[in-house]
Amino acid sequence: MSLYVLDAFIWVLGIRGHIPQGGEFGPVPAQSSCGAGTLMRVLAIFVMMVACLSLVLWLAIWLAIKLP
């Protein structure tokens, strides 16, 4: 019964003809030029930017409370 429900759901979405059967998978794409080291650097830069922005926001609020 569940296979019929899944088949009906896929048919409603219109992706029935796009699912490859058995050996119809295409060749595996080559490795991307963006390695794990590059991704780690981007993640580290993002974390540092968020930390700096959080520190600046905290400092602005702290100064706003202390000045008046």
Protein backbone atom coordinates (compact mmCIF):
# COMPACT_ATOMS: atom_id res chain seq x y z
CA MET A 1 0.00 0.00 0.00
CA SER A 2 2.78 2.45 0.88
CA LEU A 3 4.41 2.03 -2.54
CA TYR A 4 1.18 3.14 -4.21
CA VAL A 5 1.03 6.21 -1.98
CA LEU A 6 4.65 7.05 -2.78
CA ASP A 7 4.02 6.50 -6.50
CA ALA A 8 0.97 8.78 -6.39
CA PHE A 9 2.92 11.46 -4.50
CA ILE A 10 5.76 11.38 -7.04
CA TRP A 11 3.22 11.47 -9.88
CA VAL A 12 1.51 14.55 -8.36
CA LEU A 13 4.84 16.35 -8.04
CA GLY A 14 5.63 15.60 -11.68
CA ILE A 15 9.06 14.08 -11.09
CA ARG A 16 8.21 10.55 -12.14
CA GLY A 17 10.23 10.63 -15.37
CA HIS A 18 13.29 12.17 -13.70
CA ILE A 19 14.10 9.26 -11.40
CA PRO A 20 16.85 7.12 -12.94
CA GLN A 21 16.26 3.38 -13.05
CA GLY A 22 18.83 0.64 -12.36
CA GLY A 23 21.89 1.40 -14.48
CA GLU A 24 20.76 4.74 -15.90
CA PHE A 25 22.89 6.83 -13.57
CA GLY A 26 25.22 9.19 -15.37
CA PRO A 27 28.97 9.43 -14.82
CA VAL A 28 30.15 10.65 -11.44
CA PRO A 29 31.16 14.32 -11.61
CA ALA A 30 34.79 15.25 -10.97
CA GLN A 31 35.89 16.54 -7.60
CA SER A 32 35.20 20.21 -7.06
CA SER A 33 38.10 22.64 -6.98
CA CYS A 34 36.91 23.89 -3.59
CA GLY A 35 38.67 21.65 -1.06
CA ALA A 36 38.02 21.11 2.62
CA GLY A 37 40.77 23.60 3.54
CA THR A 38 39.06 26.38 1.62
CA LEU A 39 35.72 25.60 3.21
CA MET A 40 37.29 25.63 6.67
CA ARG A 41 38.87 29.02 5.98
CA VAL A 42 35.54 30.44 4.82
CA LEU A 43 33.84 29.04 7.92
CA ALA A 44 36.55 30.47 10.18
CA ILE A 45 36.23 33.91 8.57
CA PHE A 46 32.45 33.77 8.97
CA VAL A 47 32.73 32.84 12.65
CA MET A 48 35.25 35.63 13.26
CA MET A 49 32.97 38.17 11.57
CA VAL A 50 29.98 37.09 13.66
CA ALA A 51 32.11 37.27 16.83
CA CYS A 52 33.37 40.76 15.97
CA LEU A 53 29.89 42.03 15.13
CA SER A 54 28.55 40.57 18.37
CA LEU A 55 31.33 42.27 20.33
CA VAL A 56 30.66 45.62 18.65
CA LEU A 57 26.94 45.32 19.37
CA TRP A 58 27.59 44.38 22.99
CA LEU A 59 29.99 47.33 23.36
CA ALA A 60 27.47 49.76 21.83
CA ILE A 61 24.74 48.62 24.18
CA TRP A 62 27.07 48.71 27.18
CA LEU A 63 28.13 52.28 26.32
CA ALA A 64 24.52 53.33 25.83
CA ILE A 65 23.67 52.05 29.31
CA LYS A 66 26.73 53.60 31.03
CA LEU A 67 26.72 57.08 29.42
CA PRO A 68 23.47 58.63 30.68
